[in-house]
Structures are given as C-alpha cells and as structure tokens.
Amino acid sequence: MTNTSQENIIPGNSNLGNSNLLAILAPCTFVLIWSTGFVFAKMALPYAETMTLLATRFLLAVGLLLLISLIWKAKWPRDPIQILHIAVAGILLHAIYLGGVFASIELGLQAGVAALIVGIQPLLVAFAAGIFLKEKITARQWIGLILGVSGVILVVWAKLENGLGTPLGVSIAVLALFGISIGTVYQKRFCGEMDLRTGAVIQYAAASIPTGILAYYTESMVINWTGEMVFAMFWLVVVLSVGAISLLYILIRKGAASKVSSMFFLVPPTAALMAWVLYDETFRSTALVGMTMTVIGVALVNLRPIKKLGLRTRPS
C-alpha cells in the first residue's frame, strides 16, 4: 500500500502552503529590491551630481510608467484637486526623500547610515498617528521609539567621531526622513484611491520639477555615461522606480501591503550588508550596537503578530 502524506489528503492544503509561501516571499523580494536603492545611489553619484541624477531618473521613470499605464489602460484621476494632492505627495516622497538620501551620500554619509536614519520612518509615522489621529500608543511602541532613536544617535555619533560623514550630511538625511514620513501620512490621507501606475507618473513628473530647477541653477547638469553609470541608472529607473512600484501594486491588490510595511525594519541591515560587500562600509562595535537597537526598535513598533498578517500555520 502506497503511503500518502496528510498534506496530500487534505483538500487545498498544498495550495494553501504555496499561497502562504508566496505571501512571505513577495514582501521579502520588495524589501530586498528597496534596500538596493541606497547602494546604487552611491554607485551612480560619482558620475552625476545629485539633482541632475534624480531629475534624469524621474523623467525616464515617467516615460516608462506612462507606457505601462497606456498599455494596461490604467485609470487617470480627473479631479484637479486630487491631481494636486498626488503631486504634493510625489514631491515629498521623491524630491525631498530621495533628494535628501542622495545628497547626504554625496556629502560623504555612508549608504548604510543613510538607510538607518530614514529607516526609522515607521516610528515617526506610528507616533504621528498617535498624536494627530488619536490612535493608542502602546508600551511596546514607546520602548521601540526609545530604542530606535537612541540607536540612530549612537550610530551617527560613532560615524562622525571616526570622520565618516559630516553634520550637514546627517542633517540632510534627517530632512529626507521627515520627507518620507510626512509624505507617507499625506498620501494615506489624500491619495488612498489613486492608481499606483498613473499616480506614479504624476508623482515622478512633479518631483522632476524642483530637482530639475535645482540642477539647472546649482549644478553643471553633466552626466558621465560610463558602463557603471548606465547600469546604475537602469537599476534605479527600471528595477526600483518601475519594478518596485509594480510589485507594490500587485501586493496591494493581493492584500499584502501590511506585510511589506511590517518588514521594513529589515531595510537598514540589508542595505548595510550590501554596502559592506560592495563598498567595504563597516560598522564597528558601537555602531553595530546602535544598528541593532534601531532594528529592534522599529520591529517593536511595526511588526505584527503572524495571525494579524493573515498567515496560517495549519489548515483551517
């Protein structure tokens, strides 16, 4: 008599396992791709100044996403006020956030440290919701906030003491942090119904205006198109600006956006690991302790129990 496993005799159990595996792997893939943005920013910056690089990236992304939107016949917003809200969110999330990250790295801040500073964004968003939306802040979240902020301060102090980065670079990274934090809340409040494809076209187009103006008046606007630069731009535009956005769109449609949010605490250590492999960026003992504190702090604030993520460990 042939042995048949319990997994095979329970109807739908195999499909359930595959579904749960996909529900874990897809957000992991998104977070992994998102983490590469910091190291590829560092790769591209030797060949173009910050605002020139970003304005070019945004315009190329507009072209690709516009083509995708037309092929998929995505819905465009019609209300001028709604379009304005989408544009404002785009300036906050792309021009200010990415501009701050790229500028801080150009000023000598390590990619892993920049990722760590902006990586505490879930802490600010959670506590902004507590203050402005009257949501309850738990004791666990308070502990997470203290750990997260203390960890960032410890890392930044250790890096500056060793001459890695400047106070100006740190300040600009903090500006990027506030850009993505305010932008996240603003988009959730005013742009919740937008189609992510057409919305991204509007947001990148809006972000290209201030970055383009700054590039015109403050930079040479020269790009050295080496092989490394072409590869970095391809990754920043196609893989990040288009691929990551498309993956996020699929995750939202599948109801998995909360899983992505809950895993964002993995971005700083992932980016730091990539920067170590590619650029020999290291974290000494003090900075490593700070990194660990921040990751744990963000996880405490943002990580949800498995049952709340909709993942089941056994068939129902």
Protein backbone atom coordinates (compact mmCIF):
# COMPACT_ATOMS: atom_id res chain seq x y z
CA MET A 1 0.00 0.00 0.00
CA THR A 2 1.36 3.40 -1.01
CA ASN A 3 1.89 5.86 1.84
CA THR A 4 0.05 9.15 1.38
CA SER A 5 1.08 12.12 3.46
CA GLN A 6 -1.51 14.08 5.42
CA GLU A 7 -0.60 17.15 3.34
CA ASN A 8 -1.77 15.41 0.17
CA ILE A 9 -5.05 14.10 1.55
CA ILE A 10 -6.23 17.44 2.92
CA PRO A 11 -8.04 19.25 0.10
CA GLY A 12 -6.41 22.55 -0.79
CA ASN A 13 -3.56 22.10 1.72
CA SER A 14 -0.85 22.22 -0.95
CA ASN A 15 -2.34 25.35 -2.49
CA LEU A 16 -2.55 26.90 0.96
CA GLY A 17 1.13 26.20 1.57
CA ASN A 18 2.10 27.71 -1.77
CA SER A 19 -0.08 30.74 -1.09
CA ASN A 20 1.47 31.31 2.34
CA LEU A 21 4.98 30.89 0.90
CA LEU A 22 4.22 33.46 -1.80
CA ALA A 23 2.74 35.80 0.81
CA ILE A 24 6.11 35.73 2.60
CA LEU A 25 8.46 35.75 -0.41
CA ALA A 26 6.81 38.62 -2.32
CA PRO A 27 7.17 41.19 0.50
CA CYS A 28 10.71 39.92 1.16
CA THR A 29 11.54 40.50 -2.50
CA PHE A 30 10.11 44.02 -2.38
CA VAL A 31 12.13 44.92 0.74
CA LEU A 32 15.29 43.44 -0.83
CA ILE A 33 14.81 45.49 -4.00
CA TRP A 34 14.03 48.63 -1.99
CA SER A 35 17.25 48.19 0.01
CA THR A 36 19.34 48.30 -3.17
CA GLY A 37 18.38 51.93 -3.75
CA PHE A 38 20.96 53.15 -1.24
CA VAL A 39 23.91 51.24 -2.71
CA PHE A 40 23.01 52.07 -6.32
CA ALA A 41 22.72 55.73 -5.38
CA LYS A 42 26.31 55.53 -4.19
CA MET A 43 27.27 53.76 -7.43
CA ALA A 44 25.76 56.48 -9.64
CA LEU A 45 26.80 59.63 -7.75
CA PRO A 46 30.44 59.72 -8.93
CA TYR A 47 29.16 60.23 -12.48
CA ALA A 48 26.44 62.86 -11.95
CA GLU A 49 25.51 65.48 -9.38
CA THR A 50 22.56 64.73 -7.12
CA MET A 51 19.76 66.80 -8.62
CA THR A 52 20.85 66.10 -12.20
CA LEU A 53 20.85 62.39 -11.46
CA LEU A 54 17.42 62.48 -9.81
CA ALA A 55 15.76 64.70 -12.43
CA THR A 56 17.01 62.35 -15.16
CA ARG A 57 15.87 59.30 -13.23
CA PHE A 58 12.41 60.78 -12.65
CA LEU A 59 11.90 61.73 -16.30
CA LEU A 60 12.96 58.29 -17.51
CA ALA A 61 10.59 56.72 -14.98
CA VAL A 62 7.76 58.96 -16.21
CA GLY A 63 8.28 57.70 -19.75
CA LEU A 64 8.29 54.02 -18.77
CA LEU A 65 5.35 54.27 -16.37
CA LEU A 66 3.35 56.29 -18.89
CA LEU A 67 3.85 53.49 -21.42
CA ILE A 68 2.80 50.89 -18.82
CA SER A 69 -0.27 52.95 -17.89
CA LEU A 70 -1.33 53.22 -21.53
CA ILE A 71 -0.80 49.51 -22.23
CA TRP A 72 -2.74 48.47 -19.10
CA LYS A 73 -5.35 51.21 -19.68
CA ALA A 74 -4.92 52.41 -16.12
CA LYS A 75 -7.37 54.89 -14.68
CA TRP A 76 -6.27 58.53 -14.58
CA PRO A 77 -7.51 60.96 -11.90
CA ARG A 78 -9.87 63.65 -13.23
CA ASP A 79 -10.28 65.93 -10.23
CA PRO A 80 -7.66 68.76 -10.32
CA ILE A 81 -7.53 68.82 -6.51
CA GLN A 82 -6.81 65.08 -6.45
CA ILE A 83 -4.05 65.54 -9.04
CA LEU A 84 -2.58 68.31 -6.87
CA HIS A 85 -2.60 66.06 -3.81
CA ILE A 86 -0.84 63.29 -5.76
CA ALA A 87 1.78 65.79 -6.99
CA VAL A 88 2.44 67.12 -3.48
CA ALA A 89 2.87 63.57 -2.18
CA GLY A 90 5.28 62.89 -5.05
CA ILE A 91 7.43 65.92 -4.17
CA LEU A 92 7.58 64.81 -0.54
CA LEU A 93 8.23 61.12 -1.27
CA HIS A 94 10.61 61.52 -4.20
CA ALA A 95 12.11 65.01 -4.47
CA ILE A 96 12.62 65.56 -0.72
CA TYR A 97 13.11 61.96 0.42
CA LEU A 98 15.28 60.70 -2.45
CA GLY A 99 16.93 64.11 -2.86
CA GLY A 100 17.90 64.06 0.80
CA VAL A 101 19.20 60.49 0.69
CA PHE A 102 21.26 61.05 -2.46
CA ALA A 103 22.61 64.42 -1.27
CA SER A 104 23.63 63.01 2.11
CA ILE A 105 25.52 60.16 0.44
CA GLU A 106 27.17 62.63 -1.96
CA LEU A 107 28.31 64.59 1.12
CA GLY A 108 30.08 61.51 2.48
CA LEU A 109 27.46 59.81 4.64
CA GLN A 110 27.71 56.04 4.30
CA ALA A 111 24.87 54.34 2.43
CA GLY A 112 24.16 52.06 5.40
CA VAL A 113 23.90 55.03 7.77
CA ALA A 114 21.58 56.92 5.41
CA ALA A 115 19.39 53.81 5.23
CA LEU A 116 19.38 53.57 9.01
CA ILE A 117 18.35 57.21 9.53
CA VAL A 118 15.43 57.10 7.09
CA GLY A 119 14.66 53.56 8.28
CA ILE A 120 13.09 54.88 11.48
CA GLN A 121 10.27 56.35 9.38
CA PRO A 122 7.75 53.78 10.72
CA LEU A 123 8.45 55.11 14.21
CA LEU A 124 7.61 58.68 13.24
CA VAL A 125 4.51 57.63 11.31
CA ALA A 126 3.22 55.49 14.19
CA PHE A 127 3.65 58.27 16.72
CA ALA A 128 2.24 60.90 14.37
CA ALA A 129 -0.85 58.71 14.09
CA GLY A 130 -0.97 58.56 17.88
CA ILE A 131 -0.74 62.33 18.25
CA PHE A 132 -2.84 63.56 15.34
CA LEU A 133 -5.23 60.64 14.77
CA LYS A 134 -5.63 59.80 18.47
CA GLU A 135 -4.53 56.22 17.95
CA LYS A 136 -3.37 54.41 21.06
CA ILE A 137 0.39 54.20 21.60
CA THR A 138 1.29 51.03 23.48
CA ALA A 139 4.09 50.49 25.97
CA ARG A 140 5.84 48.27 23.39
CA GLN A 141 5.78 51.14 20.88
CA TRP A 142 7.23 53.57 23.43
CA ILE A 143 10.07 51.14 24.09
CA GLY A 144 10.56 50.77 20.33
CA LEU A 145 10.72 54.54 19.84
CA ILE A 146 13.32 54.99 22.58
CA LEU A 147 15.41 52.10 21.28
CA GLY A 148 15.16 53.20 17.64
CA VAL A 149 16.06 56.85 18.15
CA SER A 150 18.81 56.00 20.66
CA GLY A 151 20.29 53.51 18.19
CA VAL A 152 20.41 56.08 15.37
CA ILE A 153 22.06 58.65 17.65
CA LEU A 154 24.65 56.06 18.70
CA VAL A 155 25.46 55.10 15.10
CA VAL A 156 25.66 58.71 13.86
CA TRP A 157 27.84 59.73 16.82
CA ALA A 158 30.22 56.81 16.21
CA LYS A 159 30.48 57.54 12.47
CA LEU A 160 31.03 61.29 12.87
CA GLU A 161 33.64 60.63 15.56
CA ASN A 162 35.53 58.47 13.04
CA GLY A 163 35.27 61.11 10.31
CA LEU A 164 32.72 59.15 8.26
CA GLY A 165 30.22 61.75 7.11
CA THR A 166 29.51 65.35 8.11
CA PRO A 167 26.89 67.06 10.30
CA LEU A 168 25.44 68.61 7.12
CA GLY A 169 25.08 65.20 5.50
CA VAL A 170 23.34 63.86 8.61
CA SER A 171 21.02 66.89 8.69
CA ILE A 172 20.02 66.35 5.06
CA ALA A 173 19.36 62.65 5.76
CA VAL A 174 17.09 63.75 8.64
CA LEU A 175 15.29 66.07 6.18
CA ALA A 176 14.80 63.02 3.93
CA LEU A 177 13.38 61.16 6.93
CA PHE A 178 10.79 63.86 7.53
CA GLY A 179 10.04 63.99 3.79
CA ILE A 180 9.11 60.31 3.60
CA SER A 181 7.32 60.38 6.97
CA ILE A 182 5.13 63.38 6.12
CA GLY A 183 4.72 62.11 2.56
CA THR A 184 3.52 58.71 3.78
CA VAL A 185 0.89 60.26 6.05
CA TYR A 186 -0.13 62.76 3.35
CA GLN A 187 -0.51 60.07 0.69
CA LYS A 188 -2.54 57.88 3.03
CA ARG A 189 -4.78 60.83 3.90
CA PHE A 190 -5.32 62.33 0.44
CA CYS A 191 -4.23 59.79 -2.21
CA GLY A 192 -5.60 56.49 -0.95
CA GLU A 193 -7.70 55.88 -4.06
CA MET A 194 -5.10 56.67 -6.70
CA ASP A 195 -4.00 54.08 -9.23
CA LEU A 196 -0.34 53.42 -8.43
CA ARG A 197 0.64 53.37 -12.10
CA THR A 198 -0.86 56.67 -13.24
CA GLY A 199 -0.29 58.13 -9.78
CA ALA A 200 3.41 57.32 -10.08
CA VAL A 201 3.54 59.11 -13.45
CA ILE A 202 2.14 62.25 -11.83
CA GLN A 203 4.38 61.93 -8.77
CA TYR A 204 7.62 61.43 -10.69
CA ALA A 205 6.70 64.26 -13.09
CA ALA A 206 6.03 66.56 -10.12
CA ALA A 207 9.30 65.52 -8.43
CA SER A 208 11.26 66.24 -11.62
CA ILE A 209 10.29 69.93 -11.46
CA PRO A 210 12.07 71.02 -8.24
CA THR A 211 15.01 68.67 -8.85
CA GLY A 212 15.31 69.92 -12.43
CA ILE A 213 15.23 73.57 -11.33
CA LEU A 214 17.87 72.96 -8.66
CA ALA A 215 20.02 71.06 -11.15
CA TYR A 216 19.78 73.91 -13.68
CA TYR A 217 20.75 76.64 -11.23
CA THR A 218 23.23 74.87 -8.95
CA GLU A 219 24.84 72.06 -10.97
CA SER A 220 26.68 71.53 -14.25
CA MET A 221 23.98 69.06 -15.44
CA VAL A 222 26.72 66.86 -16.91
CA ILE A 223 26.34 63.08 -16.75
CA ASN A 224 29.30 60.82 -17.44
CA TRP A 225 27.65 57.81 -19.11
CA THR A 226 30.14 55.11 -18.17
CA GLY A 227 29.13 51.46 -18.14
CA GLU A 228 28.74 51.59 -14.36
CA MET A 229 26.57 54.70 -14.61
CA VAL A 230 24.32 53.14 -17.27
CA PHE A 231 23.87 50.04 -15.13
CA ALA A 232 23.13 52.10 -12.01
CA MET A 233 20.59 54.27 -13.87
CA PHE A 234 18.95 51.18 -15.36
CA TRP A 235 18.59 49.71 -11.88
CA LEU A 236 17.31 52.94 -10.32
CA VAL A 237 14.73 53.50 -13.07
CA VAL A 238 13.63 50.06 -14.24
CA VAL A 239 14.12 47.89 -11.15
CA LEU A 240 13.30 50.47 -8.46
CA SER A 241 11.10 53.21 -9.92
CA VAL A 242 9.12 50.83 -12.15
CA GLY A 243 9.69 47.29 -10.85
CA ALA A 244 9.32 48.03 -7.14
CA ILE A 245 6.24 50.17 -7.75
CA SER A 246 4.67 47.43 -9.90
CA LEU A 247 5.41 44.79 -7.24
CA LEU A 248 3.89 47.03 -4.58
CA TYR A 249 0.81 47.44 -6.77
CA ILE A 250 0.45 43.64 -7.01
CA LEU A 251 0.93 43.25 -3.25
CA ILE A 252 -1.72 45.85 -2.51
CA ARG A 253 -4.16 44.13 -4.84
CA LYS A 254 -3.44 40.83 -3.07
CA GLY A 255 -3.90 42.48 0.33
CA ALA A 256 -0.24 42.05 1.30
CA ALA A 257 0.76 45.70 1.72
CA SER A 258 0.67 45.34 5.50
CA LYS A 259 3.26 42.57 5.27
CA VAL A 260 5.61 44.90 3.37
CA SER A 261 5.13 47.58 6.00
CA SER A 262 5.78 45.14 8.83
CA MET A 263 9.08 44.04 7.24
CA PHE A 264 10.56 47.49 6.60
CA PHE A 265 12.71 47.09 9.70
CA LEU A 266 14.86 44.76 7.55
CA VAL A 267 15.81 47.54 5.10
CA PRO A 268 18.66 49.18 7.10
CA PRO A 269 20.59 45.96 7.88
CA THR A 270 20.04 44.70 4.32
CA ALA A 271 21.33 47.96 2.83
CA ALA A 272 24.25 47.97 5.26
CA LEU A 273 25.16 44.40 4.28
CA MET A 274 25.10 45.32 0.59
CA ALA A 275 27.22 48.42 1.24
CA TRP A 276 29.72 46.28 3.15
CA VAL A 277 30.01 43.80 0.28
CA LEU A 278 30.22 46.42 -2.49
CA TYR A 279 31.96 49.36 -0.81
CA ASP A 280 33.61 47.90 2.29
CA GLU A 281 31.42 50.03 4.58
CA THR A 282 31.84 48.58 8.05
CA PHE A 283 30.11 49.05 11.40
CA ARG A 284 32.38 48.88 14.41
CA SER A 285 31.18 47.64 17.77
CA THR A 286 29.49 50.88 18.93
CA ALA A 287 27.78 51.49 15.59
CA LEU A 288 26.79 47.83 15.35
CA VAL A 289 25.10 48.03 18.74
CA GLY A 290 23.27 51.16 17.58
CA MET A 291 22.17 49.46 14.36
CA THR A 292 20.82 46.50 16.34
CA MET A 293 18.97 48.80 18.75
CA THR A 294 17.32 50.66 15.86
CA VAL A 295 16.27 47.50 14.03
CA ILE A 296 14.74 46.07 17.21
CA GLY A 297 13.04 49.39 17.94
CA VAL A 298 11.42 49.62 14.50
CA ALA A 299 10.41 45.96 14.72
CA LEU A 300 8.73 46.52 18.09
CA VAL A 301 6.70 49.40 16.70
CA ASN A 302 5.85 47.95 13.32
CA LEU A 303 5.98 44.14 13.44
CA ARG A 304 2.59 42.49 13.75
CA PRO A 305 1.71 39.07 15.11
CA ILE A 306 1.50 36.34 12.47
CA LYS A 307 -2.24 35.90 12.94
CA LYS A 308 -2.80 39.57 12.15
CA LEU A 309 -0.89 39.23 8.91
CA GLY A 310 -3.34 36.64 7.67
CA LEU A 311 -0.76 33.84 7.69
CA ARG A 312 -1.96 30.47 8.95
CA THR A 313 0.46 27.85 10.18
CA ARG A 314 -2.03 24.99 9.75
CA PRO A 315 -5.06 24.26 7.57
CA SER A 316 -8.33 25.71 8.82
